[in-house]
Amino acid sequence: MNSSGQTRAIVVDGKAPGRLAIRPVALAPSLPSDVTVRVSAISLNRGEVRRAVSTAEDGWRPGWDFTGIVEEAAKQGGGPKPGARVVGLLAEGAWAEHVRAPSDALAAIPDGVSDLEAATLPVAGLTALYALRHGGLLLGQPVLVDGASGGVGHLAVQLAKEAGAVVYGHIRREELRPIIEDSCNGGVIVSPAIEAARASGPYHLILDSVGGATLGAALTMLRGSGTCVTFGASEGPNASFDSGGFFRLGGARLYGQLLFDELKRVGPASDGLATLLSLVAQGRLKPRVEVEAPWTKIGDVAQQLLDRKFSGKAVLRLT
């Protein structure tokens, strides 16, 4: 690490192609609970990329997910030791050669799990894991995952099947079926609109990352006491639904999940990441790395993500 306290990071630059560029930045001061990590890989999520290329001011540093090698342990003790391979997340600024992160935002990567696989897990994997937990005991319960081939969705259908659910995955294009077919033991529903999934319901749990009219339809596909967890609004910020039909279901609920807020309530990211990594190490969870590239390609890959040119996850290598 540069002794001057400098590192390089991806920053928003309105003059750069795709509004993203690699620039020298100051490394954040180290808090007692912070671990210093030399980053090896990062993964992209639509929310951070959309903000970076559309609304963020110049100089903002995007980035949630990273993997790397610990260079300095936390001064207060505990957490991963120097030399450990780790995966973690930050609220921003993770797309850098070096980061400082709280020890409870990191988990050690087991042997047999690659940095690229691990890099897919922080935001997408934790979102899927915590969303499914809102369904309680899923054994034998019908679960519908919308956008099932996406970064969160392809992990959610696998985790739901692992929990014993009867899993239905909704996708919008037939060519995406092979990505999720093995995990959707209830069936794969291919249609431009989620309405086609109604015939397989009602559902105990629905995971929605689309919002808009899709969310409005999903709310009327629940069982009594069922739950719809929504964590995205790619279709639009507003939804209308049959409010009378919804309350007559009896006990049905809509839960809005914001991951970084969720972590404050359910426990540190390190716990959830350890669970996900264990499943990957055992071959029971298989992250899909759809795009792998050097981080110098950030502008191109970010635009491909926004244009929905691929499903699964994009991971960029720093080494």
C-alpha atoms as a PDB file:
ATOM      1  CA  MET A   1       0.000   0.000   0.000  1.00  0.00           C
ATOM      2  CA  ASN A   2       1.214   3.501  -0.806  1.00  0.00           C
ATOM      3  CA  SER A   3       2.655   4.985   2.398  1.00  0.00           C
ATOM      4  CA  SER A   4       1.310   8.417   1.404  1.00  0.00           C
ATOM      5  CA  GLY A   5      -2.219   7.270   2.207  1.00  0.00           C
ATOM      6  CA  GLN A   6      -3.222   7.372  -1.461  1.00  0.00           C
ATOM      7  CA  THR A   7      -4.876   4.665  -3.509  1.00  0.00           C
ATOM      8  CA  ARG A   8      -6.748   4.495  -6.805  1.00  0.00           C
ATOM      9  CA  ALA A   9     -10.505   4.234  -7.081  1.00  0.00           C
ATOM     10  CA  ILE A  10     -13.369   4.468  -9.527  1.00  0.00           C
ATOM     11  CA  VAL A  11     -14.971   7.894  -9.278  1.00  0.00           C
ATOM     12  CA  VAL A  12     -17.736   9.728 -11.089  1.00  0.00           C
ATOM     13  CA  ASP A  13     -16.282  12.020 -13.747  1.00  0.00           C
ATOM     14  CA  GLY A  14     -18.715  13.717 -16.113  1.00  0.00           C
ATOM     15  CA  LYS A  15     -15.987  14.080 -18.747  1.00  0.00           C
ATOM     16  CA  ALA A  16     -15.011  10.396 -18.788  1.00  0.00           C
ATOM     17  CA  PRO A  17     -16.586   7.776 -21.074  1.00  0.00           C
ATOM     18  CA  GLY A  18     -19.580   6.391 -19.224  1.00  0.00           C
ATOM     19  CA  ARG A  19     -19.004   9.024 -16.479  1.00  0.00           C
ATOM     20  CA  LEU A  20     -16.704   6.625 -14.581  1.00  0.00           C
ATOM     21  CA  ALA A  21     -12.921   6.805 -14.342  1.00  0.00           C
ATOM     22  CA  ILE A  22     -10.035   5.466 -12.242  1.00  0.00           C
ATOM     23  CA  ARG A  23      -8.414   8.280 -10.293  1.00  0.00           C
ATOM     24  CA  PRO A  24      -6.007   8.716  -7.318  1.00  0.00           C
ATOM     25  CA  VAL A  25      -7.904   9.283  -4.062  1.00  0.00           C
ATOM     26  CA  ALA A  26      -7.099   9.592  -0.383  1.00  0.00           C
ATOM     27  CA  LEU A  27      -7.495   6.429   1.647  1.00  0.00           C
ATOM     28  CA  ALA A  28      -9.973   6.897   4.473  1.00  0.00           C
ATOM     29  CA  PRO A  29      -8.557   7.167   8.024  1.00  0.00           C
ATOM     30  CA  SER A  30      -8.548   3.857   9.874  1.00  0.00           C
ATOM     31  CA  LEU A  31     -11.045   3.534  12.725  1.00  0.00           C
ATOM     32  CA  PRO A  32     -10.334   1.068  15.559  1.00  0.00           C
ATOM     33  CA  SER A  33     -12.778  -1.455  14.082  1.00  0.00           C
ATOM     34  CA  ASP A  34     -11.506  -1.088  10.507  1.00  0.00           C
ATOM     35  CA  VAL A  35      -9.624  -3.683   8.496  1.00  0.00           C
ATOM     36  CA  THR A  36      -7.437  -2.549   5.571  1.00  0.00           C
ATOM     37  CA  VAL A  37      -7.960  -4.694   2.474  1.00  0.00           C
ATOM     38  CA  ARG A  38      -6.071  -4.829  -0.810  1.00  0.00           C
ATOM     39  CA  VAL A  39      -8.923  -5.368  -3.250  1.00  0.00           C
ATOM     40  CA  SER A  40      -8.772  -8.123  -5.866  1.00  0.00           C
ATOM     41  CA  ALA A  41     -12.278  -7.997  -7.397  1.00  0.00           C
ATOM     42  CA  ILE A  42     -15.469  -5.948  -7.326  1.00  0.00           C
ATOM     43  CA  SER A  43     -18.986  -6.654  -8.524  1.00  0.00           C
ATOM     44  CA  LEU A  44     -21.596  -4.321  -9.963  1.00  0.00           C
ATOM     45  CA  ASN A  45     -25.190  -3.775  -8.837  1.00  0.00           C
ATOM     46  CA  ARG A  46     -27.764  -1.882 -10.865  1.00  0.00           C
ATOM     47  CA  GLY A  47     -28.679   0.572  -8.110  1.00  0.00           C
ATOM     48  CA  GLU A  48     -25.182   1.953  -7.553  1.00  0.00           C
ATOM     49  CA  VAL A  49     -24.431   2.012 -11.283  1.00  0.00           C
ATOM     50  CA  ARG A  50     -27.642   3.873 -12.117  1.00  0.00           C
ATOM     51  CA  ARG A  51     -26.851   6.531  -9.524  1.00  0.00           C
ATOM     52  CA  ALA A  52     -23.267   6.865 -10.707  1.00  0.00           C
ATOM     53  CA  VAL A  53     -24.055   7.392 -14.384  1.00  0.00           C
ATOM     54  CA  SER A  54     -27.221   9.463 -14.030  1.00  0.00           C
ATOM     55  CA  THR A  55     -27.479  11.544 -10.852  1.00  0.00           C
ATOM     56  CA  ALA A  56     -24.245  11.471  -8.821  1.00  0.00           C
ATOM     57  CA  GLU A  57     -22.015  14.521  -8.697  1.00  0.00           C
ATOM     58  CA  ASP A  58     -18.439  14.445  -9.957  1.00  0.00           C
ATOM     59  CA  GLY A  59     -16.086  12.988  -7.384  1.00  0.00           C
ATOM     60  CA  TRP A  60     -18.580  10.568  -5.827  1.00  0.00           C
ATOM     61  CA  ARG A  61     -17.124   7.110  -5.293  1.00  0.00           C
ATOM     62  CA  PRO A  62     -19.524   4.250  -6.034  1.00  0.00           C
ATOM     63  CA  GLY A  63     -19.047   0.662  -4.966  1.00  0.00           C
ATOM     64  CA  TRP A  64     -20.628  -1.814  -2.565  1.00  0.00           C
ATOM     65  CA  ASP A  65     -19.093  -5.272  -3.146  1.00  0.00           C
ATOM     66  CA  PHE A  66     -15.436  -6.261  -2.956  1.00  0.00           C
ATOM     67  CA  THR A  67     -13.046  -9.130  -2.272  1.00  0.00           C
ATOM     68  CA  GLY A  68      -9.383  -8.966  -1.371  1.00  0.00           C
ATOM     69  CA  ILE A  69      -6.530  -9.725   0.994  1.00  0.00           C
ATOM     70  CA  VAL A  70      -6.288  -8.273   4.496  1.00  0.00           C
ATOM     71  CA  GLU A  71      -3.196  -6.092   4.872  1.00  0.00           C
ATOM     72  CA  GLU A  72      -3.906  -4.636   8.309  1.00  0.00           C
ATOM     73  CA  ALA A  73      -6.138  -6.128  11.002  1.00  0.00           C
ATOM     74  CA  ALA A  74      -8.482  -4.024  13.132  1.00  0.00           C
ATOM     75  CA  LYS A  75      -6.651  -2.161  15.905  1.00  0.00           C
ATOM     76  CA  GLN A  76      -9.255  -3.191  18.478  1.00  0.00           C
ATOM     77  CA  GLY A  77      -8.662  -6.869  17.743  1.00  0.00           C
ATOM     78  CA  GLY A  78     -11.004  -9.502  16.405  1.00  0.00           C
ATOM     79  CA  GLY A  79     -11.951  -9.947  12.791  1.00  0.00           C
ATOM     80  CA  PRO A  80      -9.848 -11.375   9.966  1.00  0.00           C
ATOM     81  CA  LYS A  81      -6.056 -11.433  10.239  1.00  0.00           C
ATOM     82  CA  PRO A  82      -3.450 -10.178   7.736  1.00  0.00           C
ATOM     83  CA  GLY A  83      -3.190 -12.459   4.737  1.00  0.00           C
ATOM     84  CA  ALA A  84      -6.794 -13.680   4.930  1.00  0.00           C
ATOM     85  CA  ARG A  85      -8.929 -13.637   1.815  1.00  0.00           C
ATOM     86  CA  VAL A  86     -12.137 -11.773   2.557  1.00  0.00           C
ATOM     87  CA  VAL A  87     -15.352 -10.551   0.971  1.00  0.00           C
ATOM     88  CA  GLY A  88     -17.234  -7.531   2.225  1.00  0.00           C
ATOM     89  CA  LEU A  89     -19.360  -4.507   1.501  1.00  0.00           C
ATOM     90  CA  LEU A  90     -19.382  -0.775   2.082  1.00  0.00           C
ATOM     91  CA  ALA A  91     -22.148   1.776   1.704  1.00  0.00           C
ATOM     92  CA  GLU A  92     -19.967   3.474  -0.935  1.00  0.00           C
ATOM     93  CA  GLY A  93     -16.388   3.633  -2.168  1.00  0.00           C
ATOM     94  CA  ALA A  94     -15.644  -0.098  -2.422  1.00  0.00           C
ATOM     95  CA  TRP A  95     -14.399   0.106  -6.015  1.00  0.00           C
ATOM     96  CA  ALA A  96     -10.807   0.886  -5.115  1.00  0.00           C
ATOM     97  CA  GLU A  97      -7.393  -0.767  -4.905  1.00  0.00           C
ATOM     98  CA  HIS A  98      -7.471  -0.453  -1.109  1.00  0.00           C
ATOM     99  CA  VAL A  99     -10.418  -0.023   1.244  1.00  0.00           C
ATOM    100  CA  ARG A 100     -10.973   0.224   4.963  1.00  0.00           C
ATOM    101  CA  ALA A 101     -14.047  -1.611   6.191  1.00  0.00           C
ATOM    102  CA  PRO A 102     -15.473  -2.539   9.600  1.00  0.00           C
ATOM    103  CA  SER A 103     -14.514  -6.061  10.578  1.00  0.00           C
ATOM    104  CA  ASP A 104     -18.192  -7.019  10.950  1.00  0.00           C
ATOM    105  CA  ALA A 105     -18.766  -6.135   7.282  1.00  0.00           C
ATOM    106  CA  LEU A 106     -16.300  -8.854   6.190  1.00  0.00           C
ATOM    107  CA  ALA A 107     -16.202 -12.634   6.071  1.00  0.00           C
ATOM    108  CA  ALA A 108     -13.307 -14.995   5.334  1.00  0.00           C
ATOM    109  CA  ILE A 109     -13.508 -16.761   1.970  1.00  0.00           C
ATOM    110  CA  PRO A 110     -13.218 -20.556   2.344  1.00  0.00           C
ATOM    111  CA  ASP A 111     -10.864 -22.663   0.270  1.00  0.00           C
ATOM    112  CA  GLY A 112     -12.542 -23.742  -2.926  1.00  0.00           C
ATOM    113  CA  VAL A 113     -14.474 -20.483  -3.360  1.00  0.00           C
ATOM    114  CA  SER A 114     -12.945 -18.076  -5.879  1.00  0.00           C
ATOM    115  CA  ASP A 115     -12.679 -14.343  -5.374  1.00  0.00           C
ATOM    116  CA  LEU A 116     -14.973 -13.866  -8.375  1.00  0.00           C
ATOM    117  CA  GLU A 117     -17.683 -16.081  -6.895  1.00  0.00           C
ATOM    118  CA  ALA A 118     -17.403 -14.422  -3.516  1.00  0.00           C
ATOM    119  CA  ALA A 119     -17.595 -10.937  -5.048  1.00  0.00           C
ATOM    120  CA  THR A 120     -21.142 -11.639  -6.272  1.00  0.00           C
ATOM    121  CA  LEU A 121     -22.482 -12.249  -2.773  1.00  0.00           C
ATOM    122  CA  PRO A 122     -22.544  -9.112  -0.613  1.00  0.00           C
ATOM    123  CA  VAL A 123     -25.454  -7.023  -1.911  1.00  0.00           C
ATOM    124  CA  ALA A 124     -27.173  -9.563  -4.186  1.00  0.00           C
ATOM    125  CA  GLY A 125     -26.716 -12.571  -1.910  1.00  0.00           C
ATOM    126  CA  LEU A 126     -27.624 -10.810   1.319  1.00  0.00           C
ATOM    127  CA  THR A 127     -30.668  -9.219  -0.338  1.00  0.00           C
ATOM    128  CA  ALA A 128     -31.889 -12.655  -1.415  1.00  0.00           C
ATOM    129  CA  LEU A 129     -31.100 -14.294   1.932  1.00  0.00           C
ATOM    130  CA  TYR A 130     -32.838 -11.693   4.083  1.00  0.00           C
ATOM    131  CA  ALA A 131     -35.818 -11.376   1.748  1.00  0.00           C
ATOM    132  CA  LEU A 132     -36.466 -15.118   1.977  1.00  0.00           C
ATOM    133  CA  ARG A 133     -36.250 -15.032   5.774  1.00  0.00           C
ATOM    134  CA  HIS A 134     -39.366 -12.849   5.816  1.00  0.00           C
ATOM    135  CA  GLY A 135     -41.256 -15.941   4.707  1.00  0.00           C
ATOM    136  CA  GLY A 136     -40.334 -17.829   7.882  1.00  0.00           C
ATOM    137  CA  LEU A 137     -40.337 -21.598   7.527  1.00  0.00           C
ATOM    138  CA  LEU A 138     -40.410 -22.215   3.765  1.00  0.00           C
ATOM    139  CA  LEU A 139     -40.589 -26.012   3.781  1.00  0.00           C
ATOM    140  CA  GLY A 140     -43.280 -27.000   1.270  1.00  0.00           C
ATOM    141  CA  GLN A 141     -44.406 -23.406   0.768  1.00  0.00           C
ATOM    142  CA  PRO A 142     -44.950 -21.880  -2.701  1.00  0.00           C
ATOM    143  CA  VAL A 143     -42.505 -19.047  -3.374  1.00  0.00           C
ATOM    144  CA  LEU A 144     -42.455 -16.803  -6.458  1.00  0.00           C
ATOM    145  CA  VAL A 145     -39.278 -14.946  -7.461  1.00  0.00           C
ATOM    146  CA  ASP A 146     -39.728 -12.251 -10.088  1.00  0.00           C
ATOM    147  CA  GLY A 147     -36.692 -11.413 -12.225  1.00  0.00           C
ATOM    148  CA  ALA A 148     -35.397 -14.851 -11.333  1.00  0.00           C
ATOM    149  CA  SER A 149     -32.446 -14.814 -13.732  1.00  0.00           C
ATOM    150  CA  GLY A 150     -30.994 -11.537 -12.415  1.00  0.00           C
ATOM    151  CA  GLY A 151     -28.237 -10.854  -9.931  1.00  0.00           C
ATOM    152  CA  VAL A 152     -30.479 -11.304  -6.890  1.00  0.00           C
ATOM    153  CA  GLY A 153     -33.010 -13.629  -8.487  1.00  0.00           C
ATOM    154  CA  HIS A 154     -30.652 -16.414  -9.562  1.00  0.00           C
ATOM    155  CA  LEU A 155     -29.380 -16.655  -5.979  1.00  0.00           C
ATOM    156  CA  ALA A 156     -32.862 -16.361  -4.453  1.00  0.00           C
ATOM    157  CA  VAL A 157     -34.300 -19.334  -6.339  1.00  0.00           C
ATOM    158  CA  GLN A 158     -31.379 -21.519  -5.226  1.00  0.00           C
ATOM    159  CA  LEU A 159     -31.665 -20.438  -1.601  1.00  0.00           C
ATOM    160  CA  ALA A 160     -35.431 -20.943  -1.617  1.00  0.00           C
ATOM    161  CA  LYS A 161     -35.037 -24.469  -2.960  1.00  0.00           C
ATOM    162  CA  GLU A 162     -32.378 -25.175  -0.308  1.00  0.00           C
ATOM    163  CA  ALA A 163     -34.932 -24.089   2.318  1.00  0.00           C
ATOM    164  CA  GLY A 164     -37.441 -26.634   1.023  1.00  0.00           C
ATOM    165  CA  ALA A 165     -39.773 -24.250  -0.796  1.00  0.00           C
ATOM    166  CA  VAL A 166     -41.743 -25.019  -3.943  1.00  0.00           C
ATOM    167  CA  VAL A 167     -40.029 -22.440  -6.137  1.00  0.00           C
ATOM    168  CA  TYR A 168     -41.522 -20.625  -9.120  1.00  0.00           C
ATOM    169  CA  GLY A 169     -39.322 -18.298 -11.161  1.00  0.00           C
ATOM    170  CA  HIS A 170     -40.695 -15.590 -13.432  1.00  0.00           C
ATOM    171  CA  ILE A 171     -38.520 -14.488 -16.359  1.00  0.00           C
ATOM    172  CA  ARG A 172     -39.310 -12.445 -19.441  1.00  0.00           C
ATOM    173  CA  ARG A 173     -37.310 -14.290 -22.122  1.00  0.00           C
ATOM    174  CA  GLU A 174     -37.245 -17.995 -22.954  1.00  0.00           C
ATOM    175  CA  GLU A 175     -33.472 -18.060 -23.495  1.00  0.00           C
ATOM    176  CA  LEU A 176     -33.003 -17.348 -19.790  1.00  0.00           C
ATOM    177  CA  ARG A 177     -34.754 -20.545 -18.694  1.00  0.00           C
ATOM    178  CA  PRO A 178     -31.588 -22.708 -18.420  1.00  0.00           C
ATOM    179  CA  ILE A 179     -30.142 -20.296 -15.832  1.00  0.00           C
ATOM    180  CA  ILE A 180     -32.821 -21.103 -13.242  1.00  0.00           C
ATOM    181  CA  GLU A 181     -34.623 -24.246 -14.374  1.00  0.00           C
ATOM    182  CA  ASP A 182     -32.842 -26.628 -12.003  1.00  0.00           C
ATOM    183  CA  SER A 183     -33.761 -24.504  -8.982  1.00  0.00           C
ATOM    184  CA  CYS A 184     -37.400 -23.871  -9.915  1.00  0.00           C
ATOM    185  CA  ASN A 185     -38.928 -27.142  -8.765  1.00  0.00           C
ATOM    186  CA  GLY A 186     -42.396 -25.598  -9.051  1.00  0.00           C
ATOM    187  CA  GLY A 187     -41.863 -24.294 -12.546  1.00  0.00           C
ATOM    188  CA  VAL A 188     -40.482 -21.508 -14.715  1.00  0.00           C
ATOM    189  CA  ILE A 189     -42.970 -18.913 -15.929  1.00  0.00           C
ATOM    190  CA  VAL A 190     -41.937 -17.105 -19.108  1.00  0.00           C
ATOM    191  CA  SER A 191     -43.939 -14.000 -19.919  1.00  0.00           C
ATOM    192  CA  PRO A 192     -43.441 -10.247 -20.389  1.00  0.00           C
ATOM    193  CA  ALA A 193     -45.797  -9.678 -17.421  1.00  0.00           C
ATOM    194  CA  ILE A 194     -45.980 -11.313 -13.991  1.00  0.00           C
ATOM    195  CA  GLU A 195     -49.705 -11.839 -14.441  1.00  0.00           C
ATOM    196  CA  ALA A 196     -48.876 -15.170 -16.118  1.00  0.00           C
ATOM    197  CA  ALA A 197     -47.732 -16.456 -12.704  1.00  0.00           C
ATOM    198  CA  ARG A 198     -51.174 -16.080 -11.166  1.00  0.00           C
ATOM    199  CA  ALA A 199     -52.293 -19.533 -12.283  1.00  0.00           C
ATOM    200  CA  SER A 200     -49.590 -21.192 -10.159  1.00  0.00           C
ATOM    201  CA  GLY A 201     -50.501 -19.224  -7.022  1.00  0.00           C
ATOM    202  CA  PRO A 202     -51.507 -18.121  -4.525  1.00  0.00           C
ATOM    203  CA  TYR A 203     -48.051 -17.784  -2.985  1.00  0.00           C
ATOM    204  CA  HIS A 204     -46.772 -17.843   0.565  1.00  0.00           C
ATOM    205  CA  LEU A 205     -43.905 -15.487  -0.373  1.00  0.00           C
ATOM    206  CA  ILE A 206     -43.186 -13.284  -3.402  1.00  0.00           C
ATOM    207  CA  LEU A 207     -39.864 -11.532  -4.046  1.00  0.00           C
ATOM    208  CA  ASP A 208     -40.194  -8.429  -6.233  1.00  0.00           C
ATOM    209  CA  SER A 209     -37.374  -6.311  -7.626  1.00  0.00           C
ATOM    210  CA  VAL A 210     -39.397  -4.571 -10.335  1.00  0.00           C
ATOM    211  CA  GLY A 211     -42.029  -2.411  -8.660  1.00  0.00           C
ATOM    212  CA  GLY A 212     -44.626  -0.553 -10.714  1.00  0.00           C
ATOM    213  CA  ALA A 213     -47.454  -2.602 -12.215  1.00  0.00           C
ATOM    214  CA  THR A 214     -45.561  -5.806 -11.425  1.00  0.00           C
ATOM    215  CA  LEU A 215     -45.708  -5.090  -7.705  1.00  0.00           C
ATOM    216  CA  GLY A 216     -49.381  -4.167  -7.945  1.00  0.00           C
ATOM    217  CA  ALA A 217     -50.192  -7.532  -9.548  1.00  0.00           C
ATOM    218  CA  ALA A 218     -47.976  -9.467  -7.119  1.00  0.00           C
ATOM    219  CA  LEU A 219     -49.881  -8.170  -4.094  1.00  0.00           C
ATOM    220  CA  THR A 220     -53.039  -9.898  -5.308  1.00  0.00           C
ATOM    221  CA  MET A 221     -51.291 -13.247  -5.806  1.00  0.00           C
ATOM    222  CA  LEU A 222     -50.565 -13.845  -2.125  1.00  0.00           C
ATOM    223  CA  ARG A 223     -52.165 -16.322   0.199  1.00  0.00           C
ATOM    224  CA  GLY A 224     -53.815 -15.090   3.343  1.00  0.00           C
ATOM    225  CA  SER A 225     -50.969 -14.198   5.733  1.00  0.00           C
ATOM    226  CA  GLY A 226     -48.552 -14.258   2.786  1.00  0.00           C
ATOM    227  CA  THR A 227     -45.741 -11.746   2.316  1.00  0.00           C
ATOM    228  CA  CYS A 228     -44.434  -9.788  -0.644  1.00  0.00           C
ATOM    229  CA  VAL A 229     -40.906  -8.420  -0.180  1.00  0.00           C
ATOM    230  CA  THR A 230     -40.000  -5.614  -2.572  1.00  0.00           C
ATOM    231  CA  PHE A 231     -36.437  -4.333  -2.944  1.00  0.00           C
ATOM    232  CA  GLY A 232     -36.352  -2.549  -6.305  1.00  0.00           C
ATOM    233  CA  ALA A 233     -38.356  -0.334  -8.639  1.00  0.00           C
ATOM    234  CA  SER A 234     -36.847  -0.791 -12.086  1.00  0.00           C
ATOM    235  CA  GLU A 235     -40.283  -0.672 -13.756  1.00  0.00           C
ATOM    236  CA  GLY A 236     -41.265   2.576 -12.061  1.00  0.00           C
ATOM    237  CA  PRO A 237     -41.624   4.284  -8.686  1.00  0.00           C
ATOM    238  CA  ASN A 238     -45.432   4.126  -8.519  1.00  0.00           C
ATOM    239  CA  ALA A 239     -47.715   1.110  -8.201  1.00  0.00           C
ATOM    240  CA  SER A 240     -51.500   0.768  -8.051  1.00  0.00           C
ATOM    241  CA  PHE A 241     -53.288  -2.339  -6.807  1.00  0.00           C
ATOM    242  CA  ASP A 242     -56.641  -3.740  -5.758  1.00  0.00           C
ATOM    243  CA  SER A 243     -56.589  -2.569  -2.144  1.00  0.00           C
ATOM    244  CA  GLY A 244     -59.887  -4.258  -1.346  1.00  0.00           C
ATOM    245  CA  GLY A 245     -58.704  -7.575  -2.685  1.00  0.00           C
ATOM    246  CA  PHE A 246     -55.457  -7.203  -0.766  1.00  0.00           C
ATOM    247  CA  PHE A 247     -56.971  -6.593   2.663  1.00  0.00           C
ATOM    248  CA  ARG A 248     -59.543  -9.343   2.135  1.00  0.00           C
ATOM    249  CA  LEU A 249     -56.678 -11.834   1.876  1.00  0.00           C
ATOM    250  CA  GLY A 250     -56.381 -11.494   5.633  1.00  0.00           C
ATOM    251  CA  GLY A 251     -52.968 -10.888   7.171  1.00  0.00           C
ATOM    252  CA  ALA A 252     -51.097 -10.420   3.891  1.00  0.00           C
ATOM    253  CA  ARG A 253     -48.290  -7.894   4.082  1.00  0.00           C
ATOM    254  CA  LEU A 254     -45.961  -5.848   1.911  1.00  0.00           C
ATOM    255  CA  TYR A 255     -42.399  -5.425   3.203  1.00  0.00           C
ATOM    256  CA  GLY A 256     -39.973  -2.879   1.748  1.00  0.00           C
ATOM    257  CA  GLN A 257     -36.402  -4.115   2.130  1.00  0.00           C
ATOM    258  CA  LEU A 258     -33.432  -1.752   1.975  1.00  0.00           C
ATOM    259  CA  LEU A 259     -30.343  -3.855   2.552  1.00  0.00           C
ATOM    260  CA  PHE A 260     -28.126  -1.478   4.496  1.00  0.00           C
ATOM    261  CA  ASP A 261     -31.027  -0.613   6.779  1.00  0.00           C
ATOM    262  CA  GLU A 262     -31.873  -4.320   7.105  1.00  0.00           C
ATOM    263  CA  LEU A 263     -28.359  -5.099   8.301  1.00  0.00           C
ATOM    264  CA  LYS A 264     -28.858  -2.798  11.292  1.00  0.00           C
ATOM    265  CA  ARG A 265     -31.823  -4.906  12.411  1.00  0.00           C
ATOM    266  CA  VAL A 266     -30.891  -8.494  11.605  1.00  0.00           C
ATOM    267  CA  GLY A 267     -27.199  -8.544  12.478  1.00  0.00           C
ATOM    268  CA  PRO A 268     -23.817  -7.870  10.885  1.00  0.00           C
ATOM    269  CA  ALA A 269     -23.104  -8.603   7.259  1.00  0.00           C
ATOM    270  CA  SER A 270     -20.337 -10.967   8.350  1.00  0.00           C
ATOM    271  CA  ASP A 271     -22.911 -13.490   9.613  1.00  0.00           C
ATOM    272  CA  GLY A 272     -24.962 -13.559   6.430  1.00  0.00           C
ATOM    273  CA  LEU A 273     -21.885 -13.654   4.229  1.00  0.00           C
ATOM    274  CA  ALA A 274     -20.491 -16.604   6.191  1.00  0.00           C
ATOM    275  CA  THR A 275     -23.755 -18.483   5.584  1.00  0.00           C
ATOM    276  CA  LEU A 276     -23.662 -17.795   1.851  1.00  0.00           C
ATOM    277  CA  LEU A 277     -19.966 -18.664   1.515  1.00  0.00           C
ATOM    278  CA  SER A 278     -20.509 -21.967   3.299  1.00  0.00           C
ATOM    279  CA  LEU A 279     -23.241 -22.888   0.828  1.00  0.00           C
ATOM    280  CA  VAL A 280     -20.998 -21.994  -2.115  1.00  0.00           C
ATOM    281  CA  ALA A 281     -18.135 -24.047  -0.658  1.00  0.00           C
ATOM    282  CA  GLN A 282     -20.469 -27.031  -0.335  1.00  0.00           C
ATOM    283  CA  GLY A 283     -21.681 -26.676  -3.934  1.00  0.00           C
ATOM    284  CA  ARG A 284     -25.227 -25.891  -2.783  1.00  0.00           C
ATOM    285  CA  LEU A 285     -25.201 -22.303  -4.069  1.00  0.00           C
ATOM    286  CA  LYS A 286     -23.688 -21.417  -7.448  1.00  0.00           C
ATOM    287  CA  PRO A 287     -23.199 -17.727  -8.209  1.00  0.00           C
ATOM    288  CA  ARG A 288     -23.427 -16.905 -11.892  1.00  0.00           C
ATOM    289  CA  VAL A 289     -20.611 -14.654 -13.101  1.00  0.00           C
ATOM    290  CA  GLU A 290     -21.917 -13.581 -16.482  1.00  0.00           C
ATOM    291  CA  VAL A 291     -19.307 -10.905 -17.249  1.00  0.00           C
ATOM    292  CA  GLU A 292     -15.668 -10.972 -16.115  1.00  0.00           C
ATOM    293  CA  ALA A 293     -13.369  -8.108 -17.097  1.00  0.00           C
ATOM    294  CA  PRO A 294     -10.571  -5.863 -15.792  1.00  0.00           C
ATOM    295  CA  TRP A 295     -11.731  -2.858 -13.811  1.00  0.00           C
ATOM    296  CA  THR A 296     -10.428  -0.565 -16.546  1.00  0.00           C
ATOM    297  CA  LYS A 297     -13.566  -1.609 -18.474  1.00  0.00           C
ATOM    298  CA  ILE A 298     -15.890  -0.156 -15.820  1.00  0.00           C
ATOM    299  CA  GLY A 299     -17.590   2.316 -18.185  1.00  0.00           C
ATOM    300  CA  ASP A 300     -18.428  -0.315 -20.801  1.00  0.00           C
ATOM    301  CA  VAL A 301     -19.610  -2.962 -18.342  1.00  0.00           C
ATOM    302  CA  ALA A 302     -21.682  -0.477 -16.354  1.00  0.00           C
ATOM    303  CA  GLN A 303     -23.558   0.554 -19.484  1.00  0.00           C
ATOM    304  CA  GLN A 304     -24.135  -3.089 -20.468  1.00  0.00           C
ATOM    305  CA  LEU A 305     -25.650  -3.684 -17.043  1.00  0.00           C
ATOM    306  CA  LEU A 306     -28.022  -0.733 -17.367  1.00  0.00           C
ATOM    307  CA  ASP A 307     -28.972  -1.847 -20.890  1.00  0.00           C
ATOM    308  CA  ARG A 308     -29.711  -5.357 -19.555  1.00  0.00           C
ATOM    309  CA  LYS A 309     -27.285  -6.947 -21.970  1.00  0.00           C
ATOM    310  CA  PHE A 310     -26.675  -9.826 -19.545  1.00  0.00           C
ATOM    311  CA  SER A 311     -28.205 -11.644 -16.600  1.00  0.00           C
ATOM    312  CA  GLY A 312     -26.358 -12.802 -13.506  1.00  0.00           C
ATOM    313  CA  LYS A 313     -23.467 -10.751 -12.162  1.00  0.00           C
ATOM    314  CA  ALA A 314     -20.622  -8.690 -13.579  1.00  0.00           C
ATOM    315  CA  VAL A 315     -17.304  -8.975 -11.735  1.00  0.00           C
ATOM    316  CA  LEU A 316     -14.262  -6.823 -12.451  1.00  0.00           C
ATOM    317  CA  ARG A 317     -10.718  -7.859 -11.551  1.00  0.00           C
ATOM    318  CA  LEU A 318      -8.197  -5.424 -10.085  1.00  0.00           C
ATOM    319  CA  THR A 319      -5.218  -7.798 -10.263  1.00  0.00           C
END
